[in-house]
Amino acid sequence: MAFNEFAPIGVLLLLSLLVVLLITFLSRLFGPYRPTTRKTAPYESGMKPIGPAMRRFPVRFYLIAVLFILFDIEVVFFLPWAVVFRKLEVFALIEMFIFIVILLVGYFYAWRKGALEWE
């Protein structure tokens, strides 16, 4: 593989970085910046905040978030399968069935362990 094949991706990354830096600089230069204690206070849906703004979240919250991301990423694999389904015919159907069974085994395991319970 030559460098020429990856040059457009590098140019795109460089241009996007320059646009981000330019927009950030221009917004800081021309935008209003007048912080006050009221503006920098934590906002809780129009109500006075209860307790400190930096509270510890239970580990169960992170576990559910990670499981959501994991199962969400696995669902993304359905799209390429659907695109080439007619070319692969029965083979694709069997492979996707195996994939769904493995996915359901993981889901039921997490469910039985209580990882999906929210208190």
PDB file of N, CA and C in Angstrom:
ATOM      1  N   MET A   1       0.846  -1.184   0.000  1.00  0.00           N
ATOM      2  CA  MET A   1       0.000   0.000   0.000  1.00  0.00           C
ATOM      3  C   MET A   1       0.888   1.243   0.000  1.00  0.00           C
ATOM      4  N   ALA A   2       0.539   2.126  -0.833  1.00  0.00           N
ATOM      5  CA  ALA A   2       1.323   3.348  -0.967  1.00  0.00           C
ATOM      6  C   ALA A   2       0.705   4.466  -0.153  1.00  0.00           C
ATOM      7  N   PHE A   3       1.508   5.451   0.077  1.00  0.00           N
ATOM      8  CA  PHE A   3       1.043   6.619   0.824  1.00  0.00           C
ATOM      9  C   PHE A   3      -0.048   7.352   0.049  1.00  0.00           C
ATOM     10  N   ASN A   4      -0.011   7.259  -1.266  1.00  0.00           N
ATOM     11  CA  ASN A   4      -0.979   7.972  -2.114  1.00  0.00           C
ATOM     12  C   ASN A   4      -2.412   7.527  -1.840  1.00  0.00           C
ATOM     13  N   GLU A   5      -2.605   6.275  -1.415  1.00  0.00           N
ATOM     14  CA  GLU A   5      -3.951   5.787  -1.163  1.00  0.00           C
ATOM     15  C   GLU A   5      -4.575   6.423   0.074  1.00  0.00           C
ATOM     16  N   PHE A   6      -3.743   6.787   1.051  1.00  0.00           N
ATOM     17  CA  PHE A   6      -4.237   7.357   2.296  1.00  0.00           C
ATOM     18  C   PHE A   6      -4.130   8.876   2.348  1.00  0.00           C
ATOM     19  N   ALA A   7      -3.578   9.478   1.318  1.00  0.00           N
ATOM     20  CA  ALA A   7      -3.415  10.934   1.298  1.00  0.00           C
ATOM     21  C   ALA A   7      -4.744  11.676   1.377  1.00  0.00           C
ATOM     22  N   PRO A   8      -5.802  11.269   0.673  1.00  0.00           N
ATOM     23  CA  PRO A   8      -7.072  11.998   0.803  1.00  0.00           C
ATOM     24  C   PRO A   8      -7.648  11.956   2.221  1.00  0.00           C
ATOM     25  N   ILE A   9      -7.478  10.843   2.905  1.00  0.00           N
ATOM     26  CA  ILE A   9      -7.963  10.754   4.288  1.00  0.00           C
ATOM     27  C   ILE A   9      -7.170  11.691   5.178  1.00  0.00           C
ATOM     28  N   GLY A  10      -5.863  11.757   4.977  1.00  0.00           N
ATOM     29  CA  GLY A  10      -5.032  12.673   5.762  1.00  0.00           C
ATOM     30  C   GLY A  10      -5.393  14.125   5.499  1.00  0.00           C
ATOM     31  N   VAL A  11      -5.646  14.461   4.240  1.00  0.00           N
ATOM     32  CA  VAL A  11      -6.043  15.831   3.894  1.00  0.00           C
ATOM     33  C   VAL A  11      -7.389  16.163   4.537  1.00  0.00           C
ATOM     34  N   LEU A  12      -8.332  15.221   4.493  1.00  0.00           N
ATOM     35  CA  LEU A  12      -9.642  15.428   5.106  1.00  0.00           C
ATOM     36  C   LEU A  12      -9.516  15.640   6.616  1.00  0.00           C
ATOM     37  N   LEU A  13      -8.706  14.832   7.282  1.00  0.00           N
ATOM     38  CA  LEU A  13      -8.503  15.005   8.720  1.00  0.00           C
ATOM     39  C   LEU A  13      -7.848  16.347   9.045  1.00  0.00           C
ATOM     40  N   LEU A  14      -6.877  16.730   8.238  1.00  0.00           N
ATOM     41  CA  LEU A  14      -6.205  18.007   8.460  1.00  0.00           C
ATOM     42  C   LEU A  14      -7.161  19.177   8.243  1.00  0.00           C
ATOM     43  N   LEU A  15      -7.953  19.128   7.177  1.00  0.00           N
ATOM     44  CA  LEU A  15      -8.914  20.200   6.920  1.00  0.00           C
ATOM     45  C   LEU A  15      -9.982  20.278   8.011  1.00  0.00           C
ATOM     46  N   SER A  16     -10.472  19.123   8.475  1.00  0.00           N
ATOM     47  CA  SER A  16     -11.485  19.148   9.534  1.00  0.00           C
ATOM     48  C   SER A  16     -10.898  19.695  10.831  1.00  0.00           C
ATOM     49  N   LEU A  17      -9.648  19.374  11.132  1.00  0.00           N
ATOM     50  CA  LEU A  17      -8.999  19.921  12.323  1.00  0.00           C
ATOM     51  C   LEU A  17      -8.847  21.435  12.204  1.00  0.00           C
ATOM     52  N   LEU A  18      -8.459  21.916  11.023  1.00  0.00           N
ATOM     53  CA  LEU A  18      -8.320  23.356  10.814  1.00  0.00           C
ATOM     54  C   LEU A  18      -9.663  24.076  10.939  1.00  0.00           C
ATOM     55  N   VAL A  19     -10.737  23.468  10.425  1.00  0.00           N
ATOM     56  CA  VAL A  19     -12.067  24.082  10.540  1.00  0.00           C
ATOM     57  C   VAL A  19     -12.494  24.159  11.993  1.00  0.00           C
ATOM     58  N   VAL A  20     -12.263  23.102  12.750  1.00  0.00           N
ATOM     59  CA  VAL A  20     -12.620  23.102  14.178  1.00  0.00           C
ATOM     60  C   VAL A  20     -11.847  24.176  14.919  1.00  0.00           C
ATOM     61  N   LEU A  21     -10.554  24.263  14.686  1.00  0.00           N
ATOM     62  CA  LEU A  21      -9.746  25.274  15.358  1.00  0.00           C
ATOM     63  C   LEU A  21     -10.165  26.689  14.951  1.00  0.00           C
ATOM     64  N   LEU A  22     -10.467  26.890  13.669  1.00  0.00           N
ATOM     65  CA  LEU A  22     -10.889  28.202  13.194  1.00  0.00           C
ATOM     66  C   LEU A  22     -12.222  28.614  13.827  1.00  0.00           C
ATOM     67  N   ILE A  23     -13.188  27.702  13.853  1.00  0.00           N
ATOM     68  CA  ILE A  23     -14.489  28.024  14.436  1.00  0.00           C
ATOM     69  C   ILE A  23     -14.356  28.308  15.934  1.00  0.00           C
ATOM     70  N   THR A  24     -13.553  27.520  16.627  1.00  0.00           N
ATOM     71  CA  THR A  24     -13.351  27.745  18.057  1.00  0.00           C
ATOM     72  C   THR A  24     -12.699  29.099  18.307  1.00  0.00           C
ATOM     73  N   PHE A  25     -11.691  29.426  17.512  1.00  0.00           N
ATOM     74  CA  PHE A  25     -11.007  30.710  17.686  1.00  0.00           C
ATOM     75  C   PHE A  25     -11.941  31.881  17.385  1.00  0.00           C
ATOM     76  N   LEU A  26     -12.695  31.790  16.283  1.00  0.00           N
ATOM     77  CA  LEU A  26     -13.591  32.892  15.913  1.00  0.00           C
ATOM     78  C   LEU A  26     -14.729  33.067  16.919  1.00  0.00           C
ATOM     79  N   SER A  27     -15.257  31.974  17.448  1.00  0.00           N
ATOM     80  CA  SER A  27     -16.334  32.114  18.433  1.00  0.00           C
ATOM     81  C   SER A  27     -15.810  32.718  19.724  1.00  0.00           C
ATOM     82  N   ARG A  28     -14.578  32.409  20.101  1.00  0.00           N
ATOM     83  CA  ARG A  28     -13.992  32.996  21.304  1.00  0.00           C
ATOM     84  C   ARG A  28     -13.662  34.481  21.074  1.00  0.00           C
ATOM     85  N   LEU A  29     -13.264  34.804  19.852  1.00  0.00           N
ATOM     86  CA  LEU A  29     -12.874  36.169  19.527  1.00  0.00           C
ATOM     87  C   LEU A  29     -14.087  37.101  19.412  1.00  0.00           C
ATOM     88  N   PHE A  30     -15.117  36.648  18.713  1.00  0.00           N
ATOM     89  CA  PHE A  30     -16.261  37.523  18.439  1.00  0.00           C
ATOM     90  C   PHE A  30     -17.479  37.270  19.329  1.00  0.00           C
ATOM     91  N   GLY A  31     -17.545  36.140  19.975  1.00  0.00           N
ATOM     92  CA  GLY A  31     -18.710  35.807  20.787  1.00  0.00           C
ATOM     93  C   GLY A  31     -18.674  36.491  22.144  1.00  0.00           C
ATOM     94  N   PRO A  32     -19.837  36.683  22.755  1.00  0.00           N
ATOM     95  CA  PRO A  32     -19.875  37.282  24.084  1.00  0.00           C
ATOM     96  C   PRO A  32     -19.350  36.295  25.122  1.00  0.00           C
ATOM     97  N   TYR A  33     -18.581  36.811  26.055  1.00  0.00           N
ATOM     98  CA  TYR A  33     -18.050  35.987  27.125  1.00  0.00           C
ATOM     99  C   TYR A  33     -18.091  36.803  28.410  1.00  0.00           C
ATOM    100  N   ARG A  34     -19.207  36.687  29.113  1.00  0.00           N
ATOM    101  CA  ARG A  34     -19.380  37.401  30.379  1.00  0.00           C
ATOM    102  C   ARG A  34     -19.877  36.421  31.437  1.00  0.00           C
ATOM    103  N   PRO A  35     -18.978  35.626  32.003  1.00  0.00           N
ATOM    104  CA  PRO A  35     -19.434  34.657  32.993  1.00  0.00           C
ATOM    105  C   PRO A  35     -19.839  35.340  34.298  1.00  0.00           C
ATOM    106  N   THR A  36     -20.910  34.864  34.892  1.00  0.00           N
ATOM    107  CA  THR A  36     -21.343  35.313  36.208  1.00  0.00           C
ATOM    108  C   THR A  36     -21.558  34.073  37.065  1.00  0.00           C
ATOM    109  N   THR A  37     -21.744  34.273  38.345  1.00  0.00           N
ATOM    110  CA  THR A  37     -21.960  33.115  39.214  1.00  0.00           C
ATOM    111  C   THR A  37     -23.263  32.419  38.864  1.00  0.00           C
ATOM    112  N   ARG A  38     -24.257  33.172  38.436  1.00  0.00           N
ATOM    113  CA  ARG A  38     -25.534  32.555  38.065  1.00  0.00           C
ATOM    114  C   ARG A  38     -25.410  31.742  36.770  1.00  0.00           C
ATOM    115  N   LYS A  39     -24.624  32.239  35.815  1.00  0.00           N
ATOM    116  CA  LYS A  39     -24.464  31.517  34.558  1.00  0.00           C
ATOM    117  C   LYS A  39     -23.634  30.253  34.721  1.00  0.00           C
ATOM    118  N   THR A  40     -22.691  30.253  35.616  1.00  0.00           N
ATOM    119  CA  THR A  40     -21.824  29.092  35.787  1.00  0.00           C
ATOM    120  C   THR A  40     -22.364  28.096  36.803  1.00  0.00           C
ATOM    121  N   ALA A  41     -23.501  28.382  37.416  1.00  0.00           N
ATOM    122  CA  ALA A  41     -24.095  27.453  38.380  1.00  0.00           C
ATOM    123  C   ALA A  41     -24.697  26.257  37.647  1.00  0.00           C
ATOM    124  N   PRO A  42     -24.716  25.084  38.295  1.00  0.00           N
ATOM    125  CA  PRO A  42     -25.347  23.921  37.652  1.00  0.00           C
ATOM    126  C   PRO A  42     -26.834  24.148  37.439  1.00  0.00           C
ATOM    127  N   TYR A  43     -27.335  23.651  36.326  1.00  0.00           N
ATOM    128  CA  TYR A  43     -28.741  23.848  35.969  1.00  0.00           C
ATOM    129  C   TYR A  43     -29.483  22.529  36.099  1.00  0.00           C
ATOM    130  N   GLU A  44     -30.536  22.510  36.865  1.00  0.00           N
ATOM    131  CA  GLU A  44     -31.315  21.300  37.106  1.00  0.00           C
ATOM    132  C   GLU A  44     -32.755  21.511  36.671  1.00  0.00           C
ATOM    133  N   SER A  45     -33.004  21.691  35.410  1.00  0.00           N
ATOM    134  CA  SER A  45     -34.351  21.834  34.854  1.00  0.00           C
ATOM    135  C   SER A  45     -35.123  22.976  35.497  1.00  0.00           C
ATOM    136  N   GLY A  46     -34.487  24.080  35.751  1.00  0.00           N
ATOM    137  CA  GLY A  46     -35.158  25.247  36.298  1.00  0.00           C
ATOM    138  C   GLY A  46     -35.336  25.218  37.802  1.00  0.00           C
ATOM    139  N   MET A  47     -34.860  24.185  38.462  1.00  0.00           N
ATOM    140  CA  MET A  47     -34.997  24.082  39.917  1.00  0.00           C
ATOM    141  C   MET A  47     -33.635  24.300  40.568  1.00  0.00           C
ATOM    142  N   LYS A  48     -33.660  24.653  41.815  1.00  0.00           N
ATOM    143  CA  LYS A  48     -32.395  24.775  42.541  1.00  0.00           C
ATOM    144  C   LYS A  48     -31.768  23.394  42.668  1.00  0.00           C
ATOM    145  N   PRO A  49     -30.466  23.292  42.428  1.00  0.00           N
ATOM    146  CA  PRO A  49     -29.822  21.981  42.511  1.00  0.00           C
ATOM    147  C   PRO A  49     -29.844  21.436  43.935  1.00  0.00           C
ATOM    148  N   ILE A  50     -30.033  20.131  44.033  1.00  0.00           N
ATOM    149  CA  ILE A  50     -30.019  19.462  45.328  1.00  0.00           C
ATOM    150  C   ILE A  50     -28.705  18.712  45.444  1.00  0.00           C
ATOM    151  N   GLY A  51     -27.908  19.070  46.407  1.00  0.00           N
ATOM    152  CA  GLY A  51     -26.627  18.404  46.601  1.00  0.00           C
ATOM    153  C   GLY A  51     -25.565  18.958  45.663  1.00  0.00           C
ATOM    154  N   PRO A  52     -24.377  18.376  45.714  1.00  0.00           N
ATOM    155  CA  PRO A  52     -23.282  18.859  44.862  1.00  0.00           C
ATOM    156  C   PRO A  52     -23.501  18.462  43.403  1.00  0.00           C
ATOM    157  N   ALA A  53     -22.897  19.220  42.521  1.00  0.00           N
ATOM    158  CA  ALA A  53     -23.044  18.942  41.084  1.00  0.00           C
ATOM    159  C   ALA A  53     -22.253  17.701  40.681  1.00  0.00           C
ATOM    160  N   MET A  54     -21.184  17.426  41.362  1.00  0.00           N
ATOM    161  CA  MET A  54     -20.342  16.275  41.026  1.00  0.00           C
ATOM    162  C   MET A  54     -20.676  15.117  41.955  1.00  0.00           C
ATOM    163  N   ARG A  55     -21.776  14.414  41.650  1.00  0.00           N
ATOM    164  CA  ARG A  55     -22.174  13.259  42.445  1.00  0.00           C
ATOM    165  C   ARG A  55     -21.596  11.990  41.844  1.00  0.00           C
ATOM    166  N   ARG A  56     -21.412  11.004  42.670  1.00  0.00           N
ATOM    167  CA  ARG A  56     -20.948   9.703  42.193  1.00  0.00           C
ATOM    168  C   ARG A  56     -22.149   8.918  41.684  1.00  0.00           C
ATOM    169  N   PHE A  57     -21.989   8.325  40.523  1.00  0.00           N
ATOM    170  CA  PHE A  57     -23.033   7.483  39.964  1.00  0.00           C
ATOM    171  C   PHE A  57     -22.767   6.042  40.383  1.00  0.00           C
ATOM    172  N   PRO A  58     -23.811   5.284  40.582  1.00  0.00           N
ATOM    173  CA  PRO A  58     -23.594   3.871  40.918  1.00  0.00           C
ATOM    174  C   PRO A  58     -22.974   3.117  39.745  1.00  0.00           C
ATOM    175  N   VAL A  59     -22.247   2.065  40.065  1.00  0.00           N
ATOM    176  CA  VAL A  59     -21.579   1.270  39.039  1.00  0.00           C
ATOM    177  C   VAL A  59     -22.607   0.646  38.103  1.00  0.00           C
ATOM    178  N   ARG A  60     -23.784   0.350  38.601  1.00  0.00           N
ATOM    179  CA  ARG A  60     -24.833  -0.269  37.781  1.00  0.00           C
ATOM    180  C   ARG A  60     -25.189   0.627  36.583  1.00  0.00           C
ATOM    181  N   PHE A  61     -25.116   1.944  36.767  1.00  0.00           N
ATOM    182  CA  PHE A  61     -25.384   2.863  35.653  1.00  0.00           C
ATOM    183  C   PHE A  61     -24.389   2.632  34.528  1.00  0.00           C
ATOM    184  N   TYR A  62     -23.113   2.511  34.857  1.00  0.00           N
ATOM    185  CA  TYR A  62     -22.094   2.297  33.842  1.00  0.00           C
ATOM    186  C   TYR A  62     -22.234   0.915  33.206  1.00  0.00           C
ATOM    187  N   LEU A  63     -22.615  -0.074  33.988  1.00  0.00           N
ATOM    188  CA  LEU A  63     -22.794  -1.414  33.460  1.00  0.00           C
ATOM    189  C   LEU A  63     -23.912  -1.442  32.418  1.00  0.00           C
ATOM    190  N   ILE A  64     -25.016  -0.794  32.717  1.00  0.00           N
ATOM    191  CA  ILE A  64     -26.118  -0.740  31.757  1.00  0.00           C
ATOM    192  C   ILE A  64     -25.710   0.051  30.522  1.00  0.00           C
ATOM    193  N   ALA A  65     -24.956   1.128  30.700  1.00  0.00           N
ATOM    194  CA  ALA A  65     -24.500   1.916  29.551  1.00  0.00           C
ATOM    195  C   ALA A  65     -23.579   1.093  28.651  1.00  0.00           C
ATOM    196  N   VAL A  66     -22.665   0.342  29.243  1.00  0.00           N
ATOM    197  CA  VAL A  66     -21.748  -0.486  28.456  1.00  0.00           C
ATOM    198  C   VAL A  66     -22.512  -1.596  27.736  1.00  0.00           C
ATOM    199  N   LEU A  67     -23.478  -2.205  28.418  1.00  0.00           N
ATOM    200  CA  LEU A  67     -24.280  -3.245  27.772  1.00  0.00           C
ATOM    201  C   LEU A  67     -25.089  -2.667  26.609  1.00  0.00           C
ATOM    202  N   PHE A  68     -25.622  -1.467  26.789  1.00  0.00           N
ATOM    203  CA  PHE A  68     -26.363  -0.832  25.701  1.00  0.00           C
ATOM    204  C   PHE A  68     -25.456  -0.610  24.495  1.00  0.00           C
ATOM    205  N   ILE A  69     -24.277  -0.085  24.725  1.00  0.00           N
ATOM    206  CA  ILE A  69     -23.345   0.162  23.619  1.00  0.00           C
ATOM    207  C   ILE A  69     -22.951  -1.151  22.960  1.00  0.00           C
ATOM    208  N   LEU A  70     -22.693  -2.177  23.760  1.00  0.00           N
ATOM    209  CA  LEU A  70     -22.299  -3.472  23.217  1.00  0.00           C
ATOM    210  C   LEU A  70     -23.385  -4.051  22.318  1.00  0.00           C
ATOM    211  N   PHE A  71     -24.619  -4.089  22.801  1.00  0.00           N
ATOM    212  CA  PHE A  71     -25.698  -4.651  21.998  1.00  0.00           C
ATOM    213  C   PHE A  71     -26.039  -3.739  20.819  1.00  0.00           C
ATOM    214  N   ASP A  72     -25.872  -2.445  20.977  1.00  0.00           N
ATOM    215  CA  ASP A  72     -26.133  -1.516  19.881  1.00  0.00           C
ATOM    216  C   ASP A  72     -25.131  -1.714  18.747  1.00  0.00           C
ATOM    217  N   ILE A  73     -23.876  -1.908  19.101  1.00  0.00           N
ATOM    218  CA  ILE A  73     -22.849  -2.138  18.076  1.00  0.00           C
ATOM    219  C   ILE A  73     -23.092  -3.465  17.369  1.00  0.00           C
ATOM    220  N   GLU A  74     -23.541  -4.459  18.106  1.00  0.00           N
ATOM    221  CA  GLU A  74     -23.813  -5.746  17.466  1.00  0.00           C
ATOM    222  C   GLU A  74     -24.976  -5.650  16.485  1.00  0.00           C
ATOM    223  N   VAL A  75     -25.945  -4.802  16.781  1.00  0.00           N
ATOM    224  CA  VAL A  75     -27.082  -4.634  15.880  1.00  0.00           C
ATOM    225  C   VAL A  75     -26.638  -3.969  14.576  1.00  0.00           C
ATOM    226  N   VAL A  76     -25.576  -3.194  14.606  1.00  0.00           N
ATOM    227  CA  VAL A  76     -25.068  -2.532  13.401  1.00  0.00           C
ATOM    228  C   VAL A  76     -24.661  -3.563  12.345  1.00  0.00           C
ATOM    229  N   PHE A  77     -24.305  -4.765  12.770  1.00  0.00           N
ATOM    230  CA  PHE A  77     -23.898  -5.794  11.819  1.00  0.00           C
ATOM    231  C   PHE A  77     -25.059  -6.327  10.992  1.00  0.00           C
ATOM    232  N   PHE A  78     -26.282  -5.981  11.341  1.00  0.00           N
ATOM    233  CA  PHE A  78     -27.424  -6.417  10.533  1.00  0.00           C
ATOM    234  C   PHE A  78     -27.474  -5.711   9.179  1.00  0.00           C
ATOM    235  N   LEU A  79     -26.995  -4.479   9.086  1.00  0.00           N
ATOM    236  CA  LEU A  79     -27.079  -3.729   7.827  1.00  0.00           C
ATOM    237  C   LEU A  79     -26.238  -4.359   6.715  1.00  0.00           C
ATOM    238  N   PRO A  80     -24.947  -4.640   6.934  1.00  0.00           N
ATOM    239  CA  PRO A  80     -24.190  -5.265   5.840  1.00  0.00           C
ATOM    240  C   PRO A  80     -24.766  -6.629   5.453  1.00  0.00           C
ATOM    241  N   TRP A  81     -25.277  -7.339   6.435  1.00  0.00           N
ATOM    242  CA  TRP A  81     -25.904  -8.630   6.155  1.00  0.00           C
ATOM    243  C   TRP A  81     -27.121  -8.459   5.246  1.00  0.00           C
ATOM    244  N   ALA A  82     -27.924  -7.451   5.525  1.00  0.00           N
ATOM    245  CA  ALA A  82     -29.117  -7.217   4.711  1.00  0.00           C
ATOM    246  C   ALA A  82     -28.753  -6.797   3.293  1.00  0.00           C
ATOM    247  N   VAL A  83     -27.633  -6.084   3.151  1.00  0.00           N
ATOM    248  CA  VAL A  83     -27.228  -5.619   1.818  1.00  0.00           C
ATOM    249  C   VAL A  83     -26.819  -6.792   0.925  1.00  0.00           C
ATOM    250  N   VAL A  84     -26.101  -7.762   1.465  1.00  0.00           N
ATOM    251  CA  VAL A  84     -25.595  -8.876   0.655  1.00  0.00           C
ATOM    252  C   VAL A  84     -26.414 -10.153   0.851  1.00  0.00           C
ATOM    253  N   PHE A  85     -27.578 -10.053   1.430  1.00  0.00           N
ATOM    254  CA  PHE A  85     -28.372 -11.246   1.745  1.00  0.00           C
ATOM    255  C   PHE A  85     -28.732 -12.047   0.496  1.00  0.00           C
ATOM    256  N   ARG A  86     -29.126 -11.388  -0.568  1.00  0.00           N
ATOM    257  CA  ARG A  86     -29.558 -12.112  -1.784  1.00  0.00           C
ATOM    258  C   ARG A  86     -28.396 -12.835  -2.463  1.00  0.00           C
ATOM    259  N   LYS A  87     -27.188 -12.309  -2.325  1.00  0.00           N
ATOM    260  CA  LYS A  87     -26.029 -12.961  -2.946  1.00  0.00           C
ATOM    261  C   LYS A  87     -25.637 -14.229  -2.184  1.00  0.00           C
ATOM    262  N   LEU A  88     -25.788 -14.206  -0.866  1.00  0.00           N
ATOM    263  CA  LEU A  88     -25.338 -15.332  -0.058  1.00  0.00           C
ATOM    264  C   LEU A  88     -26.423 -16.380   0.180  1.00  0.00           C
ATOM    265  N   GLU A  89     -27.658 -16.010  -0.016  1.00  0.00           N
ATOM    266  CA  GLU A  89     -28.820 -16.893   0.082  1.00  0.00           C
ATOM    267  C   GLU A  89     -28.908 -17.601   1.432  1.00  0.00           C
ATOM    268  N   VAL A  90     -28.987 -18.936   1.441  1.00  0.00           N
ATOM    269  CA  VAL A  90     -29.229 -19.707   2.666  1.00  0.00           C
ATOM    270  C   VAL A  90     -28.059 -19.585   3.641  1.00  0.00           C
ATOM    271  N   PHE A  91     -26.848 -19.502   3.120  1.00  0.00           N
ATOM    272  CA  PHE A  91     -25.669 -19.376   3.979  1.00  0.00           C
ATOM    273  C   PHE A  91     -25.784 -18.149   4.879  1.00  0.00           C
ATOM    274  N   ALA A  92     -26.224 -17.028   4.317  1.00  0.00           N
ATOM    275  CA  ALA A  92     -26.367 -15.801   5.102  1.00  0.00           C
ATOM    276  C   ALA A  92     -27.440 -15.956   6.164  1.00  0.00           C
ATOM    277  N   LEU A  93     -28.490 -16.651   5.834  1.00  0.00           N
ATOM    278  CA  LEU A  93     -29.568 -16.862   6.802  1.00  0.00           C
ATOM    279  C   LEU A  93     -29.086 -17.701   7.987  1.00  0.00           C
ATOM    280  N   ILE A  94     -28.343 -18.754   7.713  1.00  0.00           N
ATOM    281  CA  ILE A  94     -27.821 -19.609   8.780  1.00  0.00           C
ATOM    282  C   ILE A  94     -26.812 -18.847   9.632  1.00  0.00           C
ATOM    283  N   GLU A  95     -25.915 -18.101   8.996  1.00  0.00           N
ATOM    284  CA  GLU A  95     -24.920 -17.338   9.740  1.00  0.00           C
ATOM    285  C   GLU A  95     -25.571 -16.277  10.628  1.00  0.00           C
ATOM    286  N   MET A  96     -26.597 -15.599  10.124  1.00  0.00           N
ATOM    287  CA  MET A  96     -27.263 -14.583  10.938  1.00  0.00           C
ATOM    288  C   MET A  96     -28.041 -15.230  12.067  1.00  0.00           C
ATOM    289  N   PHE A  97     -28.597 -16.416  11.826  1.00  0.00           N
ATOM    290  CA  PHE A  97     -29.278 -17.132  12.899  1.00  0.00           C
ATOM    291  C   PHE A  97     -28.295 -17.464  14.016  1.00  0.00           C
ATOM    292  N   ILE A  98     -27.111 -17.939  13.667  1.00  0.00           N
ATOM    293  CA  ILE A  98     -26.082 -18.235  14.673  1.00  0.00           C
ATOM    294  C   ILE A  98     -25.678 -16.961  15.409  1.00  0.00           C
ATOM    295  N   PHE A  99     -25.520 -15.869  14.678  1.00  0.00           N
ATOM    296  CA  PHE A  99     -25.154 -14.588  15.300  1.00  0.00           C
ATOM    297  C   PHE A  99     -26.228 -14.135  16.286  1.00  0.00           C
ATOM    298  N   ILE A 100     -27.494 -14.260  15.905  1.00  0.00           N
ATOM    299  CA  ILE A 100     -28.592 -13.842  16.788  1.00  0.00           C
ATOM    300  C   ILE A 100     -28.659 -14.744  18.016  1.00  0.00           C
ATOM    301  N   VAL A 101     -28.402 -16.024  17.848  1.00  0.00           N
ATOM    302  CA  VAL A 101     -28.406 -16.935  19.004  1.00  0.00           C
ATOM    303  C   VAL A 101     -27.296 -16.541  19.983  1.00  0.00           C
ATOM    304  N   ILE A 102     -26.105 -16.253  19.473  1.00  0.00           N
ATOM    305  CA  ILE A 102     -25.002 -15.824  20.347  1.00  0.00           C
ATOM    306  C   ILE A 102     -25.360 -14.513  21.035  1.00  0.00           C
ATOM    307  N   LEU A 103     -25.963 -13.603  20.315  1.00  0.00           N
ATOM    308  CA  LEU A 103     -26.387 -12.321  20.887  1.00  0.00           C
ATOM    309  C   LEU A 103     -27.430 -12.537  21.985  1.00  0.00           C
ATOM    310  N   LEU A 104     -28.391 -13.415  21.745  1.00  0.00           N
ATOM    311  CA  LEU A 104     -29.417 -13.689  22.751  1.00  0.00           C
ATOM    312  C   LEU A 104     -28.854 -14.406  23.972  1.00  0.00           C
ATOM    313  N   VAL A 105     -27.874 -15.272  23.779  1.00  0.00           N
ATOM    314  CA  VAL A 105     -27.230 -15.927  24.922  1.00  0.00           C
ATOM    315  C   VAL A 105     -26.575 -14.872  25.818  1.00  0.00           C
ATOM    316  N   GLY A 106     -25.881 -13.920  25.223  1.00  0.00           N
ATOM    317  CA  GLY A 106     -25.270 -12.837  26.002  1.00  0.00           C
ATOM    318  C   GLY A 106     -26.314 -11.973  26.687  1.00  0.00           C
ATOM    319  N   TYR A 107     -27.407 -11.711  25.994  1.00  0.00           N
ATOM    320  CA  TYR A 107     -28.480 -10.902  26.564  1.00  0.00           C
ATOM    321  C   TYR A 107     -29.128 -11.606  27.757  1.00  0.00           C
ATOM    322  N   PHE A 108     -29.441 -12.876  27.595  1.00  0.00           N
ATOM    323  CA  PHE A 108     -30.064 -13.624  28.687  1.00  0.00           C
ATOM    324  C   PHE A 108     -29.107 -13.817  29.860  1.00  0.00           C
ATOM    325  N   TYR A 109     -27.817 -13.963  29.562  1.00  0.00           N
ATOM    326  CA  TYR A 109     -26.831 -14.065  30.639  1.00  0.00           C
ATOM    327  C   TYR A 109     -26.812 -12.775  31.467  1.00  0.00           C
ATOM    328  N   ALA A 110     -26.781 -11.641  30.786  1.00  0.00           N
ATOM    329  CA  ALA A 110     -26.788 -10.354  31.500  1.00  0.00           C
ATOM    330  C   ALA A 110     -28.098 -10.168  32.268  1.00  0.00           C
ATOM    331  N   TRP A 111     -29.194 -10.617  31.690  1.00  0.00           N
ATOM    332  CA  TRP A 111     -30.494 -10.505  32.350  1.00  0.00           C
ATOM    333  C   TRP A 111     -30.546 -11.374  33.603  1.00  0.00           C
ATOM    334  N   ARG A 112     -30.069 -12.622  33.512  1.00  0.00           N
ATOM    335  CA  ARG A 112     -30.099 -13.534  34.659  1.00  0.00           C
ATOM    336  C   ARG A 112     -29.162 -13.079  35.774  1.00  0.00           C
ATOM    337  N   LYS A 113     -28.054 -12.449  35.422  1.00  0.00           N
ATOM    338  CA  LYS A 113     -27.118 -11.941  36.423  1.00  0.00           C
ATOM    339  C   LYS A 113     -27.627 -10.667  37.089  1.00  0.00           C
ATOM    340  N   GLY A 114     -28.718 -10.101  36.584  1.00  0.00           N
ATOM    341  CA  GLY A 114     -29.282  -8.894  37.184  1.00  0.00           C
ATOM    342  C   GLY A 114     -28.648  -7.616  36.681  1.00  0.00           C
ATOM    343  N   ALA A 115     -27.901  -7.697  35.571  1.00  0.00           N
ATOM    344  CA  ALA A 115     -27.218  -6.507  35.055  1.00  0.00           C
ATOM    345  C   ALA A 115     -28.193  -5.499  34.482  1.00  0.00           C
ATOM    346  N   LEU A 116     -29.397  -5.915  34.134  1.00  0.00           N
ATOM    347  CA  LEU A 116     -30.370  -5.005  33.527  1.00  0.00           C
ATOM    348  C   LEU A 116     -31.366  -4.453  34.534  1.00  0.00           C
ATOM    349  N   GLU A 117     -31.215  -4.805  35.793  1.00  0.00           N
ATOM    350  CA  GLU A 117     -32.118  -4.292  36.834  1.00  0.00           C
ATOM    351  C   GLU A 117     -31.741  -2.878  37.196  1.00  0.00           C
ATOM    352  N   TRP A 118     -32.728  -2.032  37.289  1.00  0.00           N
ATOM    353  CA  TRP A 118     -32.504  -0.633  37.661  1.00  0.00           C
ATOM    354  C   TRP A 118     -33.246  -0.352  38.959  1.00  0.00           C
ATOM    355  N   GLU A 119     -32.519   0.077  39.966  1.00  0.00           N
ATOM    356  CA  GLU A 119     -33.122   0.282  41.287  1.00  0.00           C
ATOM    357  C   GLU A 119     -33.522   1.716  41.491  1.00  0.00           C
TER     358      GLU A 119
END
